Amino acid sequence: MNRKNRMVYEFRPNGPGGVLTVPWHKACFHIGRSSPAAGSASNYSFDLRCNVLGDQRMVRDTFAVGMDGSTSRGAVLEHLEMVRR
């Protein structure tokens, strides 16, 4: 992410063009939650995700941002605040 030019970049080594470039105003950040592994008694895992919106404000892409999953929503909110600033 580049706060100066207000752009978000997703690097895709196998995707077309290799980099998805998104204006900040078309990126919606939220906390995602994954299900525990089948047969596992572990808790859910949370991560910071970015939805990329198209012209009709429909989600056209989603990707995780910057950190491995955490068992704490609070840790993900702290990461979001760091990204926001």
PDB file of N, CA and C in Angstrom:
ATOM      1  N   MET A   1       0.829  -1.170   0.000  1.00  0.00           N
ATOM      2  CA  MET A   1       0.000   0.000   0.000  1.00  0.00           C
ATOM      3  C   MET A   1       0.879   1.240   0.000  1.00  0.00           C
ATOM      4  N   ASN A   2       0.412   2.236  -0.689  1.00  0.00           N
ATOM      5  CA  ASN A   2       1.140   3.493  -0.749  1.00  0.00           C
ATOM      6  C   ASN A   2       0.173   4.604  -0.339  1.00  0.00           C
ATOM      7  N   ARG A   3       0.358   5.103   0.879  1.00  0.00           N
ATOM      8  CA  ARG A   3      -0.557   6.137   1.379  1.00  0.00           C
ATOM      9  C   ARG A   3      -0.375   7.466   0.662  1.00  0.00           C
ATOM     10  N   LYS A   4       0.822   7.731   0.121  1.00  0.00           N
ATOM     11  CA  LYS A   4       1.047   9.008  -0.562  1.00  0.00           C
ATOM     12  C   LYS A   4       0.245   9.115  -1.849  1.00  0.00           C
ATOM     13  N   ASN A   5       0.242   8.035  -2.656  1.00  0.00           N
ATOM     14  CA  ASN A   5      -0.529   8.102  -3.902  1.00  0.00           C
ATOM     15  C   ASN A   5      -1.889   7.408  -3.774  1.00  0.00           C
ATOM     16  N   ARG A   6      -2.211   6.966  -2.529  1.00  0.00           N
ATOM     17  CA  ARG A   6      -3.504   6.359  -2.210  1.00  0.00           C
ATOM     18  C   ARG A   6      -3.844   5.181  -3.107  1.00  0.00           C
ATOM     19  N   MET A   7      -2.854   4.286  -3.270  1.00  0.00           N
ATOM     20  CA  MET A   7      -3.048   3.080  -4.071  1.00  0.00           C
ATOM     21  C   MET A   7      -2.737   1.841  -3.230  1.00  0.00           C
ATOM     22  N   VAL A   8      -3.422   0.747  -3.549  1.00  0.00           N
ATOM     23  CA  VAL A   8      -3.182  -0.557  -2.938  1.00  0.00           C
ATOM     24  C   VAL A   8      -2.655  -1.463  -4.040  1.00  0.00           C
ATOM     25  N   TYR A   9      -1.617  -2.242  -3.724  1.00  0.00           N
ATOM     26  CA  TYR A   9      -1.016  -3.134  -4.711  1.00  0.00           C
ATOM     27  C   TYR A   9      -1.077  -4.563  -4.206  1.00  0.00           C
ATOM     28  N   GLU A  10      -1.549  -5.467  -5.044  1.00  0.00           N
ATOM     29  CA  GLU A  10      -1.511  -6.897  -4.750  1.00  0.00           C
ATOM     30  C   GLU A  10      -0.588  -7.533  -5.776  1.00  0.00           C
ATOM     31  N   PHE A  11       0.458  -8.187  -5.285  1.00  0.00           N
ATOM     32  CA  PHE A  11       1.412  -8.834  -6.184  1.00  0.00           C
ATOM     33  C   PHE A  11       0.942 -10.247  -6.475  1.00  0.00           C
ATOM     34  N   ARG A  12       0.813 -10.559  -7.757  1.00  0.00           N
ATOM     35  CA  ARG A  12       0.345 -11.865  -8.225  1.00  0.00           C
ATOM     36  C   ARG A  12       1.377 -12.431  -9.190  1.00  0.00           C
ATOM     37  N   PRO A  13       2.286 -13.232  -8.707  1.00  0.00           N
ATOM     38  CA  PRO A  13       3.336 -13.719  -9.597  1.00  0.00           C
ATOM     39  C   PRO A  13       2.803 -14.532 -10.774  1.00  0.00           C
ATOM     40  N   ASN A  14       1.657 -15.181 -10.620  1.00  0.00           N
ATOM     41  CA  ASN A  14       1.121 -16.005 -11.702  1.00  0.00           C
ATOM     42  C   ASN A  14      -0.074 -15.373 -12.402  1.00  0.00           C
ATOM     43  N   GLY A  15      -0.459 -14.184 -11.984  1.00  0.00           N
ATOM     44  CA  GLY A  15      -1.632 -13.544 -12.568  1.00  0.00           C
ATOM     45  C   GLY A  15      -1.285 -12.692 -13.765  1.00  0.00           C
ATOM     46  N   PRO A  16      -2.304 -12.258 -14.493  1.00  0.00           N
ATOM     47  CA  PRO A  16      -2.057 -11.395 -15.641  1.00  0.00           C
ATOM     48  C   PRO A  16      -1.446 -10.061 -15.207  1.00  0.00           C
ATOM     49  N   GLY A  17      -0.335  -9.711 -15.776  1.00  0.00           N
ATOM     50  CA  GLY A  17       0.328  -8.459 -15.436  1.00  0.00           C
ATOM     51  C   GLY A  17       1.142  -8.503 -14.161  1.00  0.00           C
ATOM     52  N   GLY A  18       0.916  -9.479 -13.300  1.00  0.00           N
ATOM     53  CA  GLY A  18       1.703  -9.646 -12.094  1.00  0.00           C
ATOM     54  C   GLY A  18       1.324  -8.768 -10.924  1.00  0.00           C
ATOM     55  N   VAL A  19       0.659  -7.632 -11.140  1.00  0.00           N
ATOM     56  CA  VAL A  19       0.301  -6.726 -10.044  1.00  0.00           C
ATOM     57  C   VAL A  19      -1.112  -6.184 -10.273  1.00  0.00           C
ATOM     58  N   LEU A  20      -1.940  -6.285  -9.239  1.00  0.00           N
ATOM     59  CA  LEU A  20      -3.254  -5.645  -9.268  1.00  0.00           C
ATOM     60  C   LEU A  20      -3.097  -4.307  -8.558  1.00  0.00           C
ATOM     61  N   THR A  21      -3.442  -3.216  -9.219  1.00  0.00           N
ATOM     62  CA  THR A  21      -3.341  -1.872  -8.658  1.00  0.00           C
ATOM     63  C   THR A  21      -4.751  -1.337  -8.457  1.00  0.00           C
ATOM     64  N   VAL A  22      -5.038  -0.896  -7.224  1.00  0.00           N
ATOM     65  CA  VAL A  22      -6.396  -0.488  -6.871  1.00  0.00           C
ATOM     66  C   VAL A  22      -6.364   0.880  -6.185  1.00  0.00           C
ATOM     67  N   PRO A  23      -7.181   1.830  -6.621  1.00  0.00           N
ATOM     68  CA  PRO A  23      -7.294   3.094  -5.892  1.00  0.00           C
ATOM     69  C   PRO A  23      -7.837   2.831  -4.483  1.00  0.00           C
ATOM     70  N   TRP A  24      -7.331   3.566  -3.523  1.00  0.00           N
ATOM     71  CA  TRP A  24      -7.692   3.393  -2.118  1.00  0.00           C
ATOM     72  C   TRP A  24      -9.212   3.393  -1.932  1.00  0.00           C
ATOM     73  N   HIS A  25      -9.936   4.265  -2.651  1.00  0.00           N
ATOM     74  CA  HIS A  25     -11.381   4.371  -2.458  1.00  0.00           C
ATOM     75  C   HIS A  25     -12.160   3.178  -3.001  1.00  0.00           C
ATOM     76  N   LYS A  26     -11.499   2.292  -3.742  1.00  0.00           N
ATOM     77  CA  LYS A  26     -12.166   1.081  -4.230  1.00  0.00           C
ATOM     78  C   LYS A  26     -11.754  -0.163  -3.438  1.00  0.00           C
ATOM     79  N   ALA A  27     -11.003   0.038  -2.356  1.00  0.00           N
ATOM     80  CA  ALA A  27     -10.559  -1.055  -1.502  1.00  0.00           C
ATOM     81  C   ALA A  27     -11.315  -0.998  -0.179  1.00  0.00           C
ATOM     82  N   CYS A  28     -11.955  -2.100   0.182  1.00  0.00           N
ATOM     83  CA  CYS A  28     -12.691  -2.179   1.451  1.00  0.00           C
ATOM     84  C   CYS A  28     -12.024  -3.219   2.338  1.00  0.00           C
ATOM     85  N   PHE A  29     -11.480  -2.768   3.460  1.00  0.00           N
ATOM     86  CA  PHE A  29     -10.793  -3.662   4.384  1.00  0.00           C
ATOM     87  C   PHE A  29     -11.775  -4.198   5.418  1.00  0.00           C
ATOM     88  N   HIS A  30     -11.593  -5.454   5.777  1.00  0.00           N
ATOM     89  CA  HIS A  30     -12.439  -6.066   6.803  1.00  0.00           C
ATOM     90  C   HIS A  30     -11.697  -7.238   7.424  1.00  0.00           C
ATOM     91  N   ILE A  31     -12.210  -7.720   8.533  1.00  0.00           N
ATOM     92  CA  ILE A  31     -11.615  -8.877   9.195  1.00  0.00           C
ATOM     93  C   ILE A  31     -12.297 -10.124   8.658  1.00  0.00           C
ATOM     94  N   GLY A  32     -11.485 -11.050   8.158  1.00  0.00           N
ATOM     95  CA  GLY A  32     -11.992 -12.322   7.662  1.00  0.00           C
ATOM     96  C   GLY A  32     -11.799 -13.394   8.717  1.00  0.00           C
ATOM     97  N   ARG A  33     -12.621 -14.423   8.659  1.00  0.00           N
ATOM     98  CA  ARG A  33     -12.521 -15.521   9.613  1.00  0.00           C
ATOM     99  C   ARG A  33     -12.521 -16.830   8.850  1.00  0.00           C
ATOM    100  N   SER A  34     -11.559 -17.680   9.154  1.00  0.00           N
ATOM    101  CA  SER A  34     -11.516 -18.991   8.519  1.00  0.00           C
ATOM    102  C   SER A  34     -12.056 -20.037   9.479  1.00  0.00           C
ATOM    103  N   SER A  35     -12.564 -21.106   8.936  1.00  0.00           N
ATOM    104  CA  SER A  35     -13.071 -22.203   9.750  1.00  0.00           C
ATOM    105  C   SER A  35     -11.917 -23.027  10.290  1.00  0.00           C
ATOM    106  N   PRO A  36     -12.105 -23.639  11.453  1.00  0.00           N
ATOM    107  CA  PRO A  36     -11.060 -24.537  11.950  1.00  0.00           C
ATOM    108  C   PRO A  36     -10.912 -25.733  11.006  1.00  0.00           C
ATOM    109  N   ALA A  37      -9.742 -26.342  11.007  1.00  0.00           N
ATOM    110  CA  ALA A  37      -9.513 -27.530  10.171  1.00  0.00           C
ATOM    111  C   ALA A  37     -10.476 -28.637  10.608  1.00  0.00           C
ATOM    112  N   ALA A  38     -10.890 -29.445   9.648  1.00  0.00           N
ATOM    113  CA  ALA A  38     -11.813 -30.539   9.948  1.00  0.00           C
ATOM    114  C   ALA A  38     -11.234 -31.434  11.042  1.00  0.00           C
ATOM    115  N   GLY A  39     -12.051 -31.752  12.034  1.00  0.00           N
ATOM    116  CA  GLY A  39     -11.617 -32.612  13.128  1.00  0.00           C
ATOM    117  C   GLY A  39     -10.750 -31.910  14.158  1.00  0.00           C
ATOM    118  N   SER A  40     -10.546 -30.606  13.983  1.00  0.00           N
ATOM    119  CA  SER A  40      -9.700 -29.847  14.895  1.00  0.00           C
ATOM    120  C   SER A  40     -10.541 -29.176  15.967  1.00  0.00           C
ATOM    121  N   ALA A  41      -9.994 -29.115  17.164  1.00  0.00           N
ATOM    122  CA  ALA A  41     -10.679 -28.425  18.253  1.00  0.00           C
ATOM    123  C   ALA A  41     -10.182 -26.987  18.378  1.00  0.00           C
ATOM    124  N   SER A  42      -9.332 -26.565  17.435  1.00  0.00           N
ATOM    125  CA  SER A  42      -8.751 -25.223  17.541  1.00  0.00           C
ATOM    126  C   SER A  42      -9.778 -24.143  17.224  1.00  0.00           C
ATOM    127  N   ASN A  43      -9.443 -22.932  17.622  1.00  0.00           N
ATOM    128  CA  ASN A  43     -10.307 -21.776  17.377  1.00  0.00           C
ATOM    129  C   ASN A  43     -10.248 -21.342  15.926  1.00  0.00           C
ATOM    130  N   TYR A  44     -11.107 -20.393  15.601  1.00  0.00           N
ATOM    131  CA  TYR A  44     -11.065 -19.779  14.285  1.00  0.00           C
ATOM    132  C   TYR A  44      -9.779 -18.968  14.135  1.00  0.00           C
ATOM    133  N   SER A  45      -9.419 -18.714  12.904  1.00  0.00           N
ATOM    134  CA  SER A  45      -8.277 -17.865  12.592  1.00  0.00           C
ATOM    135  C   SER A  45      -8.818 -16.614  11.907  1.00  0.00           C
ATOM    136  N   PHE A  46      -8.299 -15.447  12.286  1.00  0.00           N
ATOM    137  CA  PHE A  46      -8.740 -14.179  11.714  1.00  0.00           C
ATOM    138  C   PHE A  46      -7.615 -13.565  10.898  1.00  0.00           C
ATOM    139  N   ASP A  47      -7.969 -12.820   9.846  1.00  0.00           N
ATOM    140  CA  ASP A  47      -6.961 -12.104   9.065  1.00  0.00           C
ATOM    141  C   ASP A  47      -7.568 -10.835   8.492  1.00  0.00           C
ATOM    142  N   LEU A  48      -6.699  -9.942   8.050  1.00  0.00           N
ATOM    143  CA  LEU A  48      -7.132  -8.702   7.422  1.00  0.00           C
ATOM    144  C   LEU A  48      -7.304  -8.968   5.937  1.00  0.00           C
ATOM    145  N   ARG A  49      -8.468  -8.653   5.402  1.00  0.00           N
ATOM    146  CA  ARG A  49      -8.754  -8.886   3.987  1.00  0.00           C
ATOM    147  C   ARG A  49      -9.129  -7.581   3.307  1.00  0.00           C
ATOM    148  N   CYS A  50      -8.921  -7.579   2.025  1.00  0.00           N
ATOM    149  CA  CYS A  50      -9.271  -6.425   1.207  1.00  0.00           C
ATOM    150  C   CYS A  50     -10.199  -6.892   0.096  1.00  0.00           C
ATOM    151  N   ASN A  51     -11.371  -6.303   0.016  1.00  0.00           N
ATOM    152  CA  ASN A  51     -12.263  -6.518  -1.116  1.00  0.00           C
ATOM    153  C   ASN A  51     -12.026  -5.385  -2.100  1.00  0.00           C
ATOM    154  N   VAL A  52     -11.862  -5.732  -3.365  1.00  0.00           N
ATOM    155  CA  VAL A  52     -11.692  -4.742  -4.428  1.00  0.00           C
ATOM    156  C   VAL A  52     -13.042  -4.583  -5.109  1.00  0.00           C
ATOM    157  N   LEU A  53     -13.529  -3.349  -5.159  1.00  0.00           N
ATOM    158  CA  LEU A  53     -14.847  -3.086  -5.719  1.00  0.00           C
ATOM    159  C   LEU A  53     -14.751  -2.638  -7.170  1.00  0.00           C
ATOM    160  N   GLY A  54     -15.691  -3.115  -7.975  1.00  0.00           N
ATOM    161  CA  GLY A  54     -15.779  -2.698  -9.368  1.00  0.00           C
ATOM    162  C   GLY A  54     -16.636  -1.447  -9.500  1.00  0.00           C
ATOM    163  N   ASP A  55     -16.946  -1.088 -10.730  1.00  0.00           N
ATOM    164  CA  ASP A  55     -17.705   0.136 -10.998  1.00  0.00           C
ATOM    165  C   ASP A  55     -19.096   0.141 -10.369  1.00  0.00           C
ATOM    166  N   GLN A  56     -19.731  -1.010 -10.285  1.00  0.00           N
ATOM    167  CA  GLN A  56     -21.070  -1.103  -9.693  1.00  0.00           C
ATOM    168  C   GLN A  56     -21.012  -1.400  -8.194  1.00  0.00           C
ATOM    169  N   ARG A  57     -19.831  -1.217  -7.571  1.00  0.00           N
ATOM    170  CA  ARG A  57     -19.583  -1.480  -6.158  1.00  0.00           C
ATOM    171  C   ARG A  57     -19.800  -2.938  -5.796  1.00  0.00           C
ATOM    172  N   MET A  58     -19.570  -3.814  -6.780  1.00  0.00           N
ATOM    173  CA  MET A  58     -19.609  -5.262  -6.557  1.00  0.00           C
ATOM    174  C   MET A  58     -18.177  -5.732  -6.327  1.00  0.00           C
ATOM    175  N   VAL A  59     -17.997  -6.745  -5.463  1.00  0.00           N
ATOM    176  CA  VAL A  59     -16.668  -7.278  -5.177  1.00  0.00           C
ATOM    177  C   VAL A  59     -16.156  -8.016  -6.411  1.00  0.00           C
ATOM    178  N   ARG A  60     -14.972  -7.588  -6.891  1.00  0.00           N
ATOM    179  CA  ARG A  60     -14.374  -8.253  -8.048  1.00  0.00           C
ATOM    180  C   ARG A  60     -13.129  -9.055  -7.683  1.00  0.00           C
ATOM    181  N   ASP A  61     -12.588  -8.820  -6.464  1.00  0.00           N
ATOM    182  CA  ASP A  61     -11.413  -9.558  -6.011  1.00  0.00           C
ATOM    183  C   ASP A  61     -11.303  -9.428  -4.501  1.00  0.00           C
ATOM    184  N   THR A  62     -10.701 -10.423  -3.866  1.00  0.00           N
ATOM    185  CA  THR A  62     -10.452 -10.406  -2.430  1.00  0.00           C
ATOM    186  C   THR A  62      -9.078 -10.990  -2.174  1.00  0.00           C
ATOM    187  N   PHE A  63      -8.320 -10.370  -1.270  1.00  0.00           N
ATOM    188  CA  PHE A  63      -7.026 -10.926  -0.884  1.00  0.00           C
ATOM    189  C   PHE A  63      -6.722 -10.560   0.551  1.00  0.00           C
ATOM    190  N   ALA A  64      -5.883 -11.380   1.193  1.00  0.00           N
ATOM    191  CA  ALA A  64      -5.447 -11.121   2.566  1.00  0.00           C
ATOM    192  C   ALA A  64      -4.304 -10.115   2.523  1.00  0.00           C
ATOM    193  N   VAL A  65      -4.191  -9.323   3.589  1.00  0.00           N
ATOM    194  CA  VAL A  65      -3.197  -8.253   3.637  1.00  0.00           C
ATOM    195  C   VAL A  65      -2.222  -8.486   4.780  1.00  0.00           C
ATOM    196  N   GLY A  66      -0.966  -8.661   4.452  1.00  0.00           N
ATOM    197  CA  GLY A  66       0.167  -8.456   5.314  1.00  0.00           C
ATOM    198  C   GLY A  66       0.492  -9.294   6.508  1.00  0.00           C
ATOM    199  N   MET A  67      -0.332 -10.222   6.959  1.00  0.00           N
ATOM    200  CA  MET A  67       0.063 -11.011   8.122  1.00  0.00           C
ATOM    201  C   MET A  67      -0.606 -12.361   8.069  1.00  0.00           C
ATOM    202  N   ASP A  68      -0.005 -13.328   8.753  1.00  0.00           N
ATOM    203  CA  ASP A  68      -0.632 -14.641   8.865  1.00  0.00           C
ATOM    204  C   ASP A  68      -1.860 -14.527   9.745  1.00  0.00           C
ATOM    205  N   GLY A  69      -2.688 -15.536   9.695  1.00  0.00           N
ATOM    206  CA  GLY A  69      -3.885 -15.531  10.512  1.00  0.00           C
ATOM    207  C   GLY A  69      -3.559 -15.458  11.991  1.00  0.00           C
ATOM    208  N   SER A  70      -4.441 -14.877  12.734  1.00  0.00           N
ATOM    209  CA  SER A  70      -4.280 -14.711  14.168  1.00  0.00           C
ATOM    210  C   SER A  70      -5.508 -15.294  14.855  1.00  0.00           C
ATOM    211  N   THR A  71      -5.349 -15.775  16.072  1.00  0.00           N
ATOM    212  CA  THR A  71      -6.505 -16.255  16.824  1.00  0.00           C
ATOM    213  C   THR A  71      -7.186 -15.112  17.559  1.00  0.00           C
ATOM    214  N   SER A  72      -6.680 -13.891  17.386  1.00  0.00           N
ATOM    215  CA  SER A  72      -7.220 -12.722  18.078  1.00  0.00           C
ATOM    216  C   SER A  72      -7.713 -11.673  17.081  1.00  0.00           C
ATOM    217  N   ARG A  73      -8.987 -11.314  17.184  1.00  0.00           N
ATOM    218  CA  ARG A  73      -9.507 -10.219  16.356  1.00  0.00           C
ATOM    219  C   ARG A  73      -8.791  -8.920  16.695  1.00  0.00           C
ATOM    220  N   GLY A  74      -8.422  -8.745  17.962  1.00  0.00           N
ATOM    221  CA  GLY A  74      -7.738  -7.539  18.401  1.00  0.00           C
ATOM    222  C   GLY A  74      -6.412  -7.341  17.687  1.00  0.00           C
ATOM    223  N   ALA A  75      -5.653  -8.417  17.487  1.00  0.00           N
ATOM    224  CA  ALA A  75      -4.367  -8.310  16.781  1.00  0.00           C
ATOM    225  C   ALA A  75      -4.588  -7.870  15.341  1.00  0.00           C
ATOM    226  N   VAL A  76      -5.655  -8.352  14.715  1.00  0.00           N
ATOM    227  CA  VAL A  76      -5.951  -7.960  13.333  1.00  0.00           C
ATOM    228  C   VAL A  76      -6.387  -6.494  13.287  1.00  0.00           C
ATOM    229  N   LEU A  77      -7.167  -6.053  14.267  1.00  0.00           N
ATOM    230  CA  LEU A  77      -7.563  -4.635  14.327  1.00  0.00           C
ATOM    231  C   LEU A  77      -6.345  -3.737  14.512  1.00  0.00           C
ATOM    232  N   GLU A  78      -5.374  -4.172  15.307  1.00  0.00           N
ATOM    233  CA  GLU A  78      -4.137  -3.405  15.468  1.00  0.00           C
ATOM    234  C   GLU A  78      -3.393  -3.307  14.138  1.00  0.00           C
ATOM    235  N   HIS A  79      -3.365  -4.410  13.393  1.00  0.00           N
ATOM    236  CA  HIS A  79      -2.712  -4.409  12.080  1.00  0.00           C
ATOM    237  C   HIS A  79      -3.438  -3.454  11.131  1.00  0.00           C
ATOM    238  N   LEU A  80      -4.766  -3.479  11.152  1.00  0.00           N
ATOM    239  CA  LEU A  80      -5.557  -2.566  10.307  1.00  0.00           C
ATOM    240  C   LEU A  80      -5.251  -1.117  10.649  1.00  0.00           C
ATOM    241  N   GLU A  81      -5.138  -0.804  11.925  1.00  0.00           N
ATOM    242  CA  GLU A  81      -4.842   0.565  12.334  1.00  0.00           C
ATOM    243  C   GLU A  81      -3.458   0.983  11.840  1.00  0.00           C
ATOM    244  N   MET A  82      -2.488   0.061  11.883  1.00  0.00           N
ATOM    245  CA  MET A  82      -1.141   0.367  11.371  1.00  0.00           C
ATOM    246  C   MET A  82      -1.223   0.657   9.862  1.00  0.00           C
ATOM    247  N   VAL A  83      -1.977  -0.140   9.134  1.00  0.00           N
ATOM    248  CA  VAL A  83      -2.121   0.075   7.687  1.00  0.00           C
ATOM    249  C   VAL A  83      -2.813   1.411   7.418  1.00  0.00           C
ATOM    250  N   ARG A  84      -3.837   1.705   8.183  1.00  0.00           N
ATOM    251  CA  ARG A  84      -4.600   2.941   7.985  1.00  0.00           C
ATOM    252  C   ARG A  84      -3.739   4.176   8.189  1.00  0.00           C
ATOM    253  N   ARG A  85      -2.862   4.136   9.191  1.00  0.00           N
ATOM    254  CA  ARG A  85      -2.016   5.302   9.479  1.00  0.00           C
ATOM    255  C   ARG A  85      -0.881   5.400   8.496  1.00  0.00           C
TER     256      ARG A  85
END
